[in-house]
Structure formats: C-alpha cells, structure tokens
Amino acid sequence: MGNVLVIAEHKDGKLKKASRAAFTFARKYTEKFGGKLHILVIGQGVAGVAEQCSKFGAEKVWLADDANLAAYLAESYSQVAAEAAGKASATVIAATTSAMSKDLLPRLAARLKAGMASDIMGFTDQGYFLRPVWAGNAVVEAEITTAVKVVSVRGTEFEPAAEQASASPVEKLSVALNAASWKKRFVRFQEVKSARPELTEAAIIVTGGRGTKGAEGFQLVEKLADLLGAAVGATRAAVDAGWVPNDLQVGQTGKVVAPDLYIAVGVSGAIQHLAGMKGSKVIVAINKDEEAPIFSVADYGLVADLFKAVPELVEEIKKARA
C-alpha cells in the first residue's frame, strides 16, 4: 500500500482542530494497511501552520507557499494537491469534511482519475470505506477500485490527533502556477465576523429550534451561549424562517458537530437534525413536549417552557460564578 496524504485546513495562521481528525484517520489507516502519513499545507505565509502540522507524527509535511495560493481556489489547490500526492507516493488523499473539502476533493479526484468516498466514518478490514446514508440510519461499505483513492473524513468520528514530542521534517513544494490560464479568479472573501467559536471547532454548542418562535426568542439561545463561551447553532426550521444565518445550521444539510456539550433549546429533534449532532459527548435538551424525539438521544432532558427555563438557567449560572 502507498502513503496517505492529508490536506490540512487552517485559518488566521492556525491549524484547524477539525483537520486533526483526518490525521487520526490516516494514522489508523496506515497502521492497518501500511504506508506513512504525509501532510500538505497550502497557502501564502503558512510556514507557521506547517510547523504546527509537524507535531503530529507525519513522515513529512509538504509546504506549498506561494502568492498565487493566498486565496483558496479549487483550480489552483487541486493542482498543488495532485502534485503533492505524486511526491508523497500517496494512494489515499484525505481531508476532513468541510465547505472547502466538499469543493476541492471532487475536483482533485477528477484530476487524478481517482474514485472518491465522501464523509467516511471508518473502514473495514477489506479496505472498504464506511459511509452514512439515509440521515445516518444506515451505513454502507463503499469500495473504491481505482489505484488512487480520495476521501473526505467525518471529523466527529475520529478523535483529534494529539501532538507528539518529535517534529516531522517540512519540505517546500514548488509548483508551477499560471494564474492567467485559470478559468476563474478570486475577487473577495466576505467573512461573517463573530466573537463566538466556530461551530465545528467549539467545545460547547447551544442550538435553537422552531420552539424559540422567532428572532427575539432566539436571543435567549445567544445569551446562554455567550455566558458559556459557546458557539450558536440552529435547526433548519430556524434558518429557513430567517431568524439566523444559514452558516449556523446543524444537521444533515448543515454542519455535523460533536462537541463536549450540546444544549438543544426548543429543538424537536427531526431525524435530519439528529444526524448532525448525535455524536456529541453530552446532550442536554430543553423542550416542553415530553414526546419530542430529541429526548431519545439526550443525556439530560428538561421538560419545560424554554422562555421560563432558559432565563432561570442563565441566572443560576451567573450565581454559581459569582
């Protein structure tokens, strides 16, 4: 078997915690089938990220640092990743499932003429990849028959890799990039600024659903989240109603999360939502409907009116901290 190359994601000069789940997948895969873990860092001025990646036991960290890579474009990043895969003798290229990897990996697979499996949860002794289907109610074994395989890894299924004492070597990767030949160009990135943690990086998430009854009621969710230093999530119903932006959506068609603590406020627990959060370590549900499906996955459930329970909870937390 060949090596596994993981494409690391980073932001503001820091390696994303979610990428460490893909490192864990790669280590388990290589322990089972042979080969070594290699890591690829792409961008401009990202030598510091490569240094961070060198602490996770990789055989080598490949650094593609170029002005033409300052902004993410699938066209340029897939070219770099394809060349890095060749340099690393990789037969598996992986990244944690994210907005970027959903855009990048299919294009990389096409460039390499490789088969692809998305959002994998693990693998079998035969090398088949396990994928959730039907909102996570079933798991299929996907066989990729091409010599090179591309996979996106569900970050909630693998513990983030721990740092190791020794550092891996970092090698610069020179790629001939011709921006003039690209079919698209970067114009601007309009980022939503928030002092709260990112959903996929947060240790605590407080999510509001239809039961909050509107943008004003959703403020109770935000108040509790800010008190706990948590990220704010939302169900599709809350997003579709326009109470919160869609980047906060948790669920099958939103983001899949597994924080240490997940507090669901006014969330009924539709199957599509459960698919995105049932891997959380501790789940707390507040809902006045004792038959709500969310209680089937909750570790702690409070059958109560959220408009009374959440303000009381906020006050009790403040008293405990005083």
C-alpha atoms as a PDB file:
ATOM      1  CA  MET A   1       0.000   0.000   0.000  1.00  0.00           C
ATOM      2  CA  GLY A   2       1.069   3.581  -0.575  1.00  0.00           C
ATOM      3  CA  ASN A   3       1.037   6.530   1.771  1.00  0.00           C
ATOM      4  CA  VAL A   4      -1.846   8.714   2.950  1.00  0.00           C
ATOM      5  CA  LEU A   5      -1.704  12.447   2.240  1.00  0.00           C
ATOM      6  CA  VAL A   6      -3.904  14.679   4.385  1.00  0.00           C
ATOM      7  CA  ILE A   7      -4.711  18.199   3.197  1.00  0.00           C
ATOM      8  CA  ALA A   8      -4.661  20.376   6.312  1.00  0.00           C
ATOM      9  CA  GLU A   9      -7.041  23.311   6.713  1.00  0.00           C
ATOM     10  CA  HIS A  10      -6.046  26.446   8.558  1.00  0.00           C
ATOM     11  CA  LYS A  11      -7.337  29.905   9.387  1.00  0.00           C
ATOM     12  CA  ASP A  12      -5.519  33.033  10.527  1.00  0.00           C
ATOM     13  CA  GLY A  13      -2.249  31.144  10.751  1.00  0.00           C
ATOM     14  CA  LYS A  14      -3.626  28.339  12.920  1.00  0.00           C
ATOM     15  CA  LEU A  15      -4.276  24.706  12.073  1.00  0.00           C
ATOM     16  CA  LYS A  16      -7.977  23.886  12.377  1.00  0.00           C
ATOM     17  CA  LYS A  17      -8.802  21.381  15.073  1.00  0.00           C
ATOM     18  CA  ALA A  18     -11.067  19.546  12.620  1.00  0.00           C
ATOM     19  CA  SER A  19      -8.075  18.628  10.428  1.00  0.00           C
ATOM     20  CA  ARG A  20      -6.567  16.698  13.323  1.00  0.00           C
ATOM     21  CA  ALA A  21      -9.406  14.179  12.959  1.00  0.00           C
ATOM     22  CA  ALA A  22      -8.166  13.410   9.441  1.00  0.00           C
ATOM     23  CA  PHE A  23      -4.661  12.896  10.870  1.00  0.00           C
ATOM     24  CA  THR A  24      -6.131  10.274  13.211  1.00  0.00           C
ATOM     25  CA  PHE A  25      -7.911   8.561  10.309  1.00  0.00           C
ATOM     26  CA  ALA A  26      -4.670   8.486   8.315  1.00  0.00           C
ATOM     27  CA  ARG A  27      -2.683   7.015  11.195  1.00  0.00           C
ATOM     28  CA  LYS A  28      -5.260   4.264  11.742  1.00  0.00           C
ATOM     29  CA  TYR A  29      -5.404   3.537   8.020  1.00  0.00           C
ATOM     30  CA  THR A  30      -1.631   3.286   7.638  1.00  0.00           C
ATOM     31  CA  GLU A  31      -1.343   1.127  10.774  1.00  0.00           C
ATOM     32  CA  LYS A  32      -3.846  -1.259   9.178  1.00  0.00           C
ATOM     33  CA  PHE A  33      -2.699  -1.285   5.570  1.00  0.00           C
ATOM     34  CA  GLY A  34       0.849   0.051   5.655  1.00  0.00           C
ATOM     35  CA  GLY A  35       2.373   3.274   4.423  1.00  0.00           C
ATOM     36  CA  LYS A  36       3.073   6.585   6.119  1.00  0.00           C
ATOM     37  CA  LEU A  37       1.154   9.737   6.970  1.00  0.00           C
ATOM     38  CA  HIS A  38       2.045  12.828   4.940  1.00  0.00           C
ATOM     39  CA  ILE A  39       0.504  16.273   5.468  1.00  0.00           C
ATOM     40  CA  LEU A  40       0.047  19.060   2.927  1.00  0.00           C
ATOM     41  CA  VAL A  41      -0.242  22.748   3.828  1.00  0.00           C
ATOM     42  CA  ILE A  42      -1.278  25.168   1.074  1.00  0.00           C
ATOM     43  CA  GLY A  43      -1.400  28.970   1.177  1.00  0.00           C
ATOM     44  CA  GLN A  44       0.746  32.060   1.458  1.00  0.00           C
ATOM     45  CA  GLY A  45       2.787  32.813   4.559  1.00  0.00           C
ATOM     46  CA  VAL A  46       1.810  29.488   6.113  1.00  0.00           C
ATOM     47  CA  ALA A  47       5.184  28.203   7.294  1.00  0.00           C
ATOM     48  CA  GLY A  48       3.876  28.515  10.856  1.00  0.00           C
ATOM     49  CA  VAL A  49       0.974  26.204  10.032  1.00  0.00           C
ATOM     50  CA  ALA A  50       3.395  23.666   8.561  1.00  0.00           C
ATOM     51  CA  GLU A  51       5.387  23.834  11.796  1.00  0.00           C
ATOM     52  CA  GLN A  52       2.189  23.139  13.772  1.00  0.00           C
ATOM     53  CA  CYS A  53       1.467  20.163  11.495  1.00  0.00           C
ATOM     54  CA  SER A  54       4.954  18.772  12.093  1.00  0.00           C
ATOM     55  CA  LYS A  55       3.944  17.843  15.654  1.00  0.00           C
ATOM     56  CA  PHE A  56       1.552  15.042  14.682  1.00  0.00           C
ATOM     57  CA  GLY A  57       3.883  12.228  13.718  1.00  0.00           C
ATOM     58  CA  ALA A  58       3.845  12.612   9.936  1.00  0.00           C
ATOM     59  CA  GLU A  59       6.618  11.156   7.810  1.00  0.00           C
ATOM     60  CA  LYS A  60       6.829  14.552   6.117  1.00  0.00           C
ATOM     61  CA  VAL A  61       4.952  17.843   5.929  1.00  0.00           C
ATOM     62  CA  TRP A  62       4.744  19.332   2.439  1.00  0.00           C
ATOM     63  CA  LEU A  63       4.577  23.125   2.283  1.00  0.00           C
ATOM     64  CA  ALA A  64       3.181  24.863  -0.801  1.00  0.00           C
ATOM     65  CA  ASP A  65       3.688  28.565  -0.053  1.00  0.00           C
ATOM     66  CA  ASP A  66       3.037  30.919  -2.951  1.00  0.00           C
ATOM     67  CA  ALA A  67       1.417  34.309  -3.573  1.00  0.00           C
ATOM     68  CA  ASN A  68      -0.923  32.637  -6.068  1.00  0.00           C
ATOM     69  CA  LEU A  69      -2.206  30.421  -3.254  1.00  0.00           C
ATOM     70  CA  ALA A  70      -3.102  33.228  -0.852  1.00  0.00           C
ATOM     71  CA  ALA A  71      -6.810  32.817  -1.635  1.00  0.00           C
ATOM     72  CA  TYR A  72      -8.476  29.439  -1.950  1.00  0.00           C
ATOM     73  CA  LEU A  73      -9.414  28.376  -5.485  1.00  0.00           C
ATOM     74  CA  ALA A  74     -10.233  24.758  -6.266  1.00  0.00           C
ATOM     75  CA  GLU A  75      -8.378  25.053  -9.579  1.00  0.00           C
ATOM     76  CA  SER A  76      -5.044  26.015  -8.033  1.00  0.00           C
ATOM     77  CA  TYR A  77      -5.340  23.971  -4.836  1.00  0.00           C
ATOM     78  CA  SER A  78      -6.260  20.794  -6.711  1.00  0.00           C
ATOM     79  CA  GLN A  79      -3.195  21.215  -8.933  1.00  0.00           C
ATOM     80  CA  VAL A  80      -0.964  21.575  -5.884  1.00  0.00           C
ATOM     81  CA  ALA A  81      -2.597  18.626  -4.094  1.00  0.00           C
ATOM     82  CA  ALA A  82      -2.213  16.393  -7.161  1.00  0.00           C
ATOM     83  CA  GLU A  83       1.493  17.183  -7.419  1.00  0.00           C
ATOM     84  CA  ALA A  84       1.964  16.675  -3.675  1.00  0.00           C
ATOM     85  CA  ALA A  85       0.229  13.291  -3.893  1.00  0.00           C
ATOM     86  CA  GLY A  86       2.762  12.227  -6.507  1.00  0.00           C
ATOM     87  CA  LYS A  87       5.717  13.482  -4.460  1.00  0.00           C
ATOM     88  CA  ALA A  88       4.416  11.698  -1.360  1.00  0.00           C
ATOM     89  CA  SER A  89       3.651   8.456  -3.261  1.00  0.00           C
ATOM     90  CA  ALA A  90       0.165   8.686  -1.812  1.00  0.00           C
ATOM     91  CA  THR A  91      -2.545   6.238  -2.787  1.00  0.00           C
ATOM     92  CA  VAL A  92      -5.081   7.850  -0.429  1.00  0.00           C
ATOM     93  CA  ILE A  93      -5.687  11.601  -0.251  1.00  0.00           C
ATOM     94  CA  ALA A  94      -7.902  12.792   2.578  1.00  0.00           C
ATOM     95  CA  ALA A  95      -9.277  15.889   4.265  1.00  0.00           C
ATOM     96  CA  THR A  96     -11.849  16.472   6.964  1.00  0.00           C
ATOM     97  CA  THR A  97     -15.344  17.129   5.595  1.00  0.00           C
ATOM     98  CA  SER A  98     -15.818  20.900   5.350  1.00  0.00           C
ATOM     99  CA  ALA A  99     -17.049  23.526   2.920  1.00  0.00           C
ATOM    100  CA  MET A 100     -13.588  23.680   1.357  1.00  0.00           C
ATOM    101  CA  SER A 101     -13.050  19.931   1.058  1.00  0.00           C
ATOM    102  CA  LYS A 102     -16.507  19.455  -0.464  1.00  0.00           C
ATOM    103  CA  ASP A 103     -15.405  21.835  -3.211  1.00  0.00           C
ATOM    104  CA  LEU A 104     -11.799  20.714  -3.542  1.00  0.00           C
ATOM    105  CA  LEU A 105     -11.773  16.923  -3.273  1.00  0.00           C
ATOM    106  CA  PRO A 106     -14.143  16.072  -6.173  1.00  0.00           C
ATOM    107  CA  ARG A 107     -12.009  18.245  -8.458  1.00  0.00           C
ATOM    108  CA  LEU A 108      -8.854  16.607  -7.154  1.00  0.00           C
ATOM    109  CA  ALA A 109     -10.367  13.166  -7.740  1.00  0.00           C
ATOM    110  CA  ALA A 110     -11.220  14.127 -11.315  1.00  0.00           C
ATOM    111  CA  ARG A 111      -7.692  15.409 -11.896  1.00  0.00           C
ATOM    112  CA  LEU A 112      -6.205  12.157 -10.561  1.00  0.00           C
ATOM    113  CA  LYS A 113      -8.838   9.950 -12.242  1.00  0.00           C
ATOM    114  CA  ALA A 114      -9.495   8.586  -8.766  1.00  0.00           C
ATOM    115  CA  GLY A 115     -12.604   7.191  -7.118  1.00  0.00           C
ATOM    116  CA  MET A 116     -13.964   9.102  -4.152  1.00  0.00           C
ATOM    117  CA  ALA A 117     -15.965   8.402  -0.997  1.00  0.00           C
ATOM    118  CA  SER A 118     -17.328  11.336   0.965  1.00  0.00           C
ATOM    119  CA  ASP A 119     -17.964  11.809   4.672  1.00  0.00           C
ATOM    120  CA  ILE A 120     -16.492   8.458   5.675  1.00  0.00           C
ATOM    121  CA  MET A 121     -16.828   7.180   9.244  1.00  0.00           C
ATOM    122  CA  GLY A 122     -14.212   4.445   9.116  1.00  0.00           C
ATOM    123  CA  PHE A 123     -13.067   1.443   7.081  1.00  0.00           C
ATOM    124  CA  THR A 124     -13.275  -2.345   7.133  1.00  0.00           C
ATOM    125  CA  ASP A 125     -10.532  -4.964   7.250  1.00  0.00           C
ATOM    126  CA  GLN A 126     -11.040  -5.351   3.483  1.00  0.00           C
ATOM    127  CA  GLY A 127     -10.343  -1.652   2.901  1.00  0.00           C
ATOM    128  CA  TYR A 128     -13.952  -0.640   2.194  1.00  0.00           C
ATOM    129  CA  PHE A 129     -14.921   2.797   3.443  1.00  0.00           C
ATOM    130  CA  LEU A 130     -17.904   3.205   5.771  1.00  0.00           C
ATOM    131  CA  ARG A 131     -20.357   5.954   4.776  1.00  0.00           C
ATOM    132  CA  PRO A 132     -23.605   7.063   6.446  1.00  0.00           C
ATOM    133  CA  VAL A 133     -26.771   7.119   4.327  1.00  0.00           C
ATOM    134  CA  TRP A 134     -30.445   7.878   4.985  1.00  0.00           C
ATOM    135  CA  ALA A 135     -29.657  10.592   7.550  1.00  0.00           C
ATOM    136  CA  GLY A 136     -27.250   8.283   9.344  1.00  0.00           C
ATOM    137  CA  ASN A 137     -29.768   5.496   9.881  1.00  0.00           C
ATOM    138  CA  ALA A 138     -27.711   3.092   7.806  1.00  0.00           C
ATOM    139  CA  VAL A 139     -24.040   2.683   6.958  1.00  0.00           C
ATOM    140  CA  VAL A 140     -22.766   1.326   3.647  1.00  0.00           C
ATOM    141  CA  GLU A 141     -19.401  -0.190   2.768  1.00  0.00           C
ATOM    142  CA  ALA A 142     -18.036   1.667  -0.256  1.00  0.00           C
ATOM    143  CA  GLU A 143     -15.324   0.037  -2.346  1.00  0.00           C
ATOM    144  CA  ILE A 144     -13.021   2.295  -4.366  1.00  0.00           C
ATOM    145  CA  THR A 145     -11.352   0.267  -7.102  1.00  0.00           C
ATOM    146  CA  THR A 146      -9.008   2.904  -8.540  1.00  0.00           C
ATOM    147  CA  ALA A 147      -5.318   2.846  -7.643  1.00  0.00           C
ATOM    148  CA  VAL A 148      -5.580   6.272  -6.021  1.00  0.00           C
ATOM    149  CA  LYS A 149      -8.443   6.978  -3.643  1.00  0.00           C
ATOM    150  CA  VAL A 150      -9.828  10.300  -2.400  1.00  0.00           C
ATOM    151  CA  VAL A 151     -11.883  10.517   0.796  1.00  0.00           C
ATOM    152  CA  SER A 152     -13.402  13.184   3.000  1.00  0.00           C
ATOM    153  CA  VAL A 153     -13.449  12.232   6.666  1.00  0.00           C
ATOM    154  CA  ARG A 154     -16.329  12.943   9.040  1.00  0.00           C
ATOM    155  CA  GLY A 155     -14.492  14.809  11.768  1.00  0.00           C
ATOM    156  CA  THR A 156     -16.858  13.757  14.532  1.00  0.00           C
ATOM    157  CA  GLU A 157     -15.982  10.066  14.066  1.00  0.00           C
ATOM    158  CA  PHE A 158     -12.274  10.384  14.852  1.00  0.00           C
ATOM    159  CA  GLU A 159     -10.658  11.895  17.936  1.00  0.00           C
ATOM    160  CA  PRO A 160      -8.368  14.840  17.118  1.00  0.00           C
ATOM    161  CA  ALA A 161      -4.773  13.629  16.890  1.00  0.00           C
ATOM    162  CA  ALA A 162      -2.564  14.512  19.839  1.00  0.00           C
ATOM    163  CA  GLU A 163       0.722  16.319  19.430  1.00  0.00           C
ATOM    164  CA  GLN A 164       3.889  14.233  19.653  1.00  0.00           C
ATOM    165  CA  ALA A 165       7.271  15.027  21.131  1.00  0.00           C
ATOM    166  CA  SER A 166       9.329  14.828  17.922  1.00  0.00           C
ATOM    167  CA  ALA A 167       8.831  17.095  14.922  1.00  0.00           C
ATOM    168  CA  SER A 168       8.460  15.898  11.348  1.00  0.00           C
ATOM    169  CA  PRO A 169      10.581  17.345   8.549  1.00  0.00           C
ATOM    170  CA  VAL A 170       8.999  20.090   6.444  1.00  0.00           C
ATOM    171  CA  GLU A 171       9.753  20.165   2.726  1.00  0.00           C
ATOM    172  CA  LYS A 172       8.837  23.008   0.426  1.00  0.00           C
ATOM    173  CA  LEU A 173       6.829  22.038  -2.632  1.00  0.00           C
ATOM    174  CA  SER A 174       7.459  24.053  -5.794  1.00  0.00           C
ATOM    175  CA  VAL A 175       4.520  24.077  -8.186  1.00  0.00           C
ATOM    176  CA  ALA A 176       4.382  25.946 -11.495  1.00  0.00           C
ATOM    177  CA  LEU A 177       1.207  28.003 -11.162  1.00  0.00           C
ATOM    178  CA  ASN A 178      -0.052  30.022 -14.111  1.00  0.00           C
ATOM    179  CA  ALA A 179      -2.871  32.202 -12.802  1.00  0.00           C
ATOM    180  CA  ALA A 180      -3.507  33.632 -16.272  1.00  0.00           C
ATOM    181  CA  SER A 181      -4.615  30.211 -17.520  1.00  0.00           C
ATOM    182  CA  TRP A 182      -7.224  29.682 -14.790  1.00  0.00           C
ATOM    183  CA  LYS A 183     -10.879  29.840 -15.705  1.00  0.00           C
ATOM    184  CA  LYS A 184     -11.812  31.793 -12.612  1.00  0.00           C
ATOM    185  CA  ARG A 185     -10.207  34.320 -10.317  1.00  0.00           C
ATOM    186  CA  PHE A 186     -10.539  35.320  -6.713  1.00  0.00           C
ATOM    187  CA  VAL A 187     -12.470  38.568  -6.233  1.00  0.00           C
ATOM    188  CA  ARG A 188     -13.092  38.862  -2.498  1.00  0.00           C
ATOM    189  CA  PHE A 189     -13.957  36.895   0.602  1.00  0.00           C
ATOM    190  CA  GLN A 190     -16.844  38.272   2.612  1.00  0.00           C
ATOM    191  CA  GLU A 191     -16.427  36.781   6.050  1.00  0.00           C
ATOM    192  CA  VAL A 192     -19.057  36.825   8.769  1.00  0.00           C
ATOM    193  CA  LYS A 193     -17.190  38.122  11.803  1.00  0.00           C
ATOM    194  CA  SER A 194     -18.107  36.682  15.181  1.00  0.00           C
ATOM    195  CA  ALA A 195     -16.523  36.643  18.623  1.00  0.00           C
ATOM    196  CA  ARG A 196     -18.050  33.207  19.181  1.00  0.00           C
ATOM    197  CA  PRO A 197     -16.207  29.968  18.343  1.00  0.00           C
ATOM    198  CA  GLU A 198     -16.790  28.248  15.003  1.00  0.00           C
ATOM    199  CA  LEU A 199     -19.400  25.506  15.111  1.00  0.00           C
ATOM    200  CA  THR A 200     -17.014  22.769  14.023  1.00  0.00           C
ATOM    201  CA  GLU A 201     -14.307  23.906  16.467  1.00  0.00           C
ATOM    202  CA  ALA A 202     -16.410  24.612  19.565  1.00  0.00           C
ATOM    203  CA  ALA A 203     -16.353  22.543  22.762  1.00  0.00           C
ATOM    204  CA  ILE A 204     -19.842  23.773  23.681  1.00  0.00           C
ATOM    205  CA  ILE A 205     -22.746  24.485  21.328  1.00  0.00           C
ATOM    206  CA  VAL A 206     -26.147  25.940  22.192  1.00  0.00           C
ATOM    207  CA  THR A 207     -28.683  25.345  19.414  1.00  0.00           C
ATOM    208  CA  GLY A 208     -32.104  26.893  18.996  1.00  0.00           C
ATOM    209  CA  GLY A 209     -35.009  25.463  17.054  1.00  0.00           C
ATOM    210  CA  ARG A 210     -38.530  26.254  15.969  1.00  0.00           C
ATOM    211  CA  GLY A 211     -39.596  26.419  19.616  1.00  0.00           C
ATOM    212  CA  THR A 212     -37.830  29.769  20.074  1.00  0.00           C
ATOM    213  CA  LYS A 213     -40.670  31.197  17.960  1.00  0.00           C
ATOM    214  CA  GLY A 214     -38.688  33.942  16.265  1.00  0.00           C
ATOM    215  CA  ALA A 215     -35.567  36.105  16.183  1.00  0.00           C
ATOM    216  CA  GLU A 216     -36.447  37.683  19.522  1.00  0.00           C
ATOM    217  CA  GLY A 217     -36.863  34.328  21.224  1.00  0.00           C
ATOM    218  CA  PHE A 218     -33.617  33.120  19.640  1.00  0.00           C
ATOM    219  CA  GLN A 219     -31.804  35.810  21.618  1.00  0.00           C
ATOM    220  CA  LEU A 220     -32.251  33.591  24.687  1.00  0.00           C
ATOM    221  CA  VAL A 221     -30.145  30.956  22.926  1.00  0.00           C
ATOM    222  CA  GLU A 222     -27.467  33.526  22.125  1.00  0.00           C
ATOM    223  CA  LYS A 223     -27.446  34.850  25.710  1.00  0.00           C
ATOM    224  CA  LEU A 224     -26.907  31.354  27.119  1.00  0.00           C
ATOM    225  CA  ALA A 225     -24.218  30.619  24.537  1.00  0.00           C
ATOM    226  CA  ASP A 226     -22.309  33.813  25.299  1.00  0.00           C
ATOM    227  CA  LEU A 227     -22.431  33.070  29.017  1.00  0.00           C
ATOM    228  CA  LEU A 228     -20.893  29.629  28.383  1.00  0.00           C
ATOM    229  CA  GLY A 229     -18.392  30.810  25.751  1.00  0.00           C
ATOM    230  CA  ALA A 230     -20.194  28.542  23.316  1.00  0.00           C
ATOM    231  CA  ALA A 231     -20.948  28.530  19.617  1.00  0.00           C
ATOM    232  CA  VAL A 232     -24.519  29.122  18.469  1.00  0.00           C
ATOM    233  CA  GLY A 233     -26.267  26.558  16.281  1.00  0.00           C
ATOM    234  CA  ALA A 234     -29.695  26.401  14.686  1.00  0.00           C
ATOM    235  CA  THR A 235     -32.071  23.915  13.149  1.00  0.00           C
ATOM    236  CA  ARG A 236     -33.098  24.161   9.518  1.00  0.00           C
ATOM    237  CA  ALA A 237     -36.522  25.454  10.575  1.00  0.00           C
ATOM    238  CA  ALA A 238     -34.923  28.419  12.345  1.00  0.00           C
ATOM    239  CA  VAL A 239     -32.654  29.109   9.375  1.00  0.00           C
ATOM    240  CA  ASP A 240     -35.436  28.800   6.780  1.00  0.00           C
ATOM    241  CA  ALA A 241     -37.561  31.189   8.832  1.00  0.00           C
ATOM    242  CA  GLY A 242     -34.808  33.783   8.528  1.00  0.00           C
ATOM    243  CA  TRP A 243     -34.163  34.095  12.261  1.00  0.00           C
ATOM    244  CA  VAL A 244     -30.453  33.308  11.902  1.00  0.00           C
ATOM    245  CA  PRO A 245     -27.967  32.964   9.004  1.00  0.00           C
ATOM    246  CA  ASN A 246     -27.600  29.572   7.322  1.00  0.00           C
ATOM    247  CA  ASP A 247     -23.966  29.129   8.365  1.00  0.00           C
ATOM    248  CA  LEU A 248     -25.299  28.267  11.845  1.00  0.00           C
ATOM    249  CA  GLN A 249     -27.332  25.290  10.648  1.00  0.00           C
ATOM    250  CA  VAL A 250     -26.604  21.948  12.287  1.00  0.00           C
ATOM    251  CA  GLY A 251     -27.855  18.769  10.656  1.00  0.00           C
ATOM    252  CA  GLN A 252     -27.790  16.592   7.586  1.00  0.00           C
ATOM    253  CA  THR A 253     -27.865  19.591   5.232  1.00  0.00           C
ATOM    254  CA  GLY A 254     -25.860  21.790   7.600  1.00  0.00           C
ATOM    255  CA  LYS A 255     -22.795  21.112   9.717  1.00  0.00           C
ATOM    256  CA  VAL A 256     -22.041  17.876  11.528  1.00  0.00           C
ATOM    257  CA  VAL A 257     -20.758  18.557  15.036  1.00  0.00           C
ATOM    258  CA  ALA A 258     -19.747  16.579  18.120  1.00  0.00           C
ATOM    259  CA  PRO A 259     -18.846  18.997  20.916  1.00  0.00           C
ATOM    260  CA  ASP A 260     -18.224  18.077  24.524  1.00  0.00           C
ATOM    261  CA  LEU A 261     -21.569  19.657  25.440  1.00  0.00           C
ATOM    262  CA  TYR A 262     -24.564  20.217  23.137  1.00  0.00           C
ATOM    263  CA  ILE A 263     -27.570  22.117  24.507  1.00  0.00           C
ATOM    264  CA  ALA A 264     -30.701  21.920  22.344  1.00  0.00           C
ATOM    265  CA  VAL A 265     -33.238  24.636  23.144  1.00  0.00           C
ATOM    266  CA  GLY A 266     -36.694  24.337  21.613  1.00  0.00           C
ATOM    267  CA  VAL A 267     -35.419  21.665  19.224  1.00  0.00           C
ATOM    268  CA  SER A 268     -37.878  18.888  18.407  1.00  0.00           C
ATOM    269  CA  GLY A 269     -35.195  16.528  17.100  1.00  0.00           C
ATOM    270  CA  ALA A 270     -36.092  15.805  13.488  1.00  0.00           C
ATOM    271  CA  ILE A 271     -34.072  12.938  12.043  1.00  0.00           C
ATOM    272  CA  GLN A 272     -32.143  15.328   9.782  1.00  0.00           C
ATOM    273  CA  HIS A 273     -31.035  17.381  12.777  1.00  0.00           C
ATOM    274  CA  LEU A 274     -30.094  14.365  14.876  1.00  0.00           C
ATOM    275  CA  ALA A 275     -27.827  13.199  12.047  1.00  0.00           C
ATOM    276  CA  GLY A 276     -25.715  16.300  12.589  1.00  0.00           C
ATOM    277  CA  MET A 277     -25.285  16.260  16.367  1.00  0.00           C
ATOM    278  CA  LYS A 278     -25.990  12.866  17.912  1.00  0.00           C
ATOM    279  CA  GLY A 279     -22.263  12.185  18.222  1.00  0.00           C
ATOM    280  CA  SER A 280     -21.946  14.936  20.867  1.00  0.00           C
ATOM    281  CA  LYS A 281     -20.433  13.697  24.124  1.00  0.00           C
ATOM    282  CA  VAL A 282     -23.143  15.169  26.396  1.00  0.00           C
ATOM    283  CA  ILE A 283     -26.532  16.280  25.075  1.00  0.00           C
ATOM    284  CA  VAL A 284     -28.922  18.449  27.078  1.00  0.00           C
ATOM    285  CA  ALA A 285     -32.438  19.059  25.723  1.00  0.00           C
ATOM    286  CA  ILE A 286     -34.963  21.684  26.833  1.00  0.00           C
ATOM    287  CA  ASN A 287     -38.414  21.228  25.304  1.00  0.00           C
ATOM    288  CA  LYS A 288     -41.946  21.477  26.641  1.00  0.00           C
ATOM    289  CA  ASP A 289     -43.056  18.452  24.577  1.00  0.00           C
ATOM    290  CA  GLU A 290     -42.086  15.356  26.535  1.00  0.00           C
ATOM    291  CA  GLU A 291     -42.596  13.255  23.383  1.00  0.00           C
ATOM    292  CA  ALA A 292     -40.067  15.255  21.354  1.00  0.00           C
ATOM    293  CA  PRO A 293     -37.580  12.944  19.559  1.00  0.00           C
ATOM    294  CA  ILE A 294     -34.646  14.985  20.885  1.00  0.00           C
ATOM    295  CA  PHE A 295     -35.124  13.302  24.277  1.00  0.00           C
ATOM    296  CA  SER A 296     -34.292   9.922  22.706  1.00  0.00           C
ATOM    297  CA  VAL A 297     -30.657  10.998  22.291  1.00  0.00           C
ATOM    298  CA  ALA A 298     -30.376  13.390  25.241  1.00  0.00           C
ATOM    299  CA  ASP A 299     -28.273  12.540  28.281  1.00  0.00           C
ATOM    300  CA  TYR A 300     -30.205  15.121  30.281  1.00  0.00           C
ATOM    301  CA  GLY A 301     -33.700  16.322  29.427  1.00  0.00           C
ATOM    302  CA  LEU A 302     -35.769  19.133  30.878  1.00  0.00           C
ATOM    303  CA  VAL A 303     -39.478  19.162  30.003  1.00  0.00           C
ATOM    304  CA  ALA A 304     -40.197  22.854  30.420  1.00  0.00           C
ATOM    305  CA  ASP A 305     -41.115  26.080  28.658  1.00  0.00           C
ATOM    306  CA  LEU A 306     -37.814  27.412  27.326  1.00  0.00           C
ATOM    307  CA  PHE A 307     -38.945  31.008  27.827  1.00  0.00           C
ATOM    308  CA  LYS A 308     -39.037  30.327  31.558  1.00  0.00           C
ATOM    309  CA  ALA A 309     -36.299  27.689  31.857  1.00  0.00           C
ATOM    310  CA  VAL A 310     -33.509  29.404  29.906  1.00  0.00           C
ATOM    311  CA  PRO A 311     -33.624  32.741  31.815  1.00  0.00           C
ATOM    312  CA  GLU A 312     -33.615  30.760  35.076  1.00  0.00           C
ATOM    313  CA  LEU A 313     -30.662  28.710  33.866  1.00  0.00           C
ATOM    314  CA  VAL A 314     -28.781  31.876  32.912  1.00  0.00           C
ATOM    315  CA  GLU A 315     -29.358  33.371  36.372  1.00  0.00           C
ATOM    316  CA  GLU A 316     -28.261  30.184  38.145  1.00  0.00           C
ATOM    317  CA  ILE A 317     -25.043  30.039  36.122  1.00  0.00           C
ATOM    318  CA  LYS A 318     -24.330  33.681  36.978  1.00  0.00           C
ATOM    319  CA  LYS A 319     -24.900  32.971  40.691  1.00  0.00           C
ATOM    320  CA  ALA A 320     -22.605  29.939  40.578  1.00  0.00           C
ATOM    321  CA  ARG A 321     -19.852  32.036  39.060  1.00  0.00           C
ATOM    322  CA  ALA A 322     -20.257  34.965  41.419  1.00  0.00           C
END
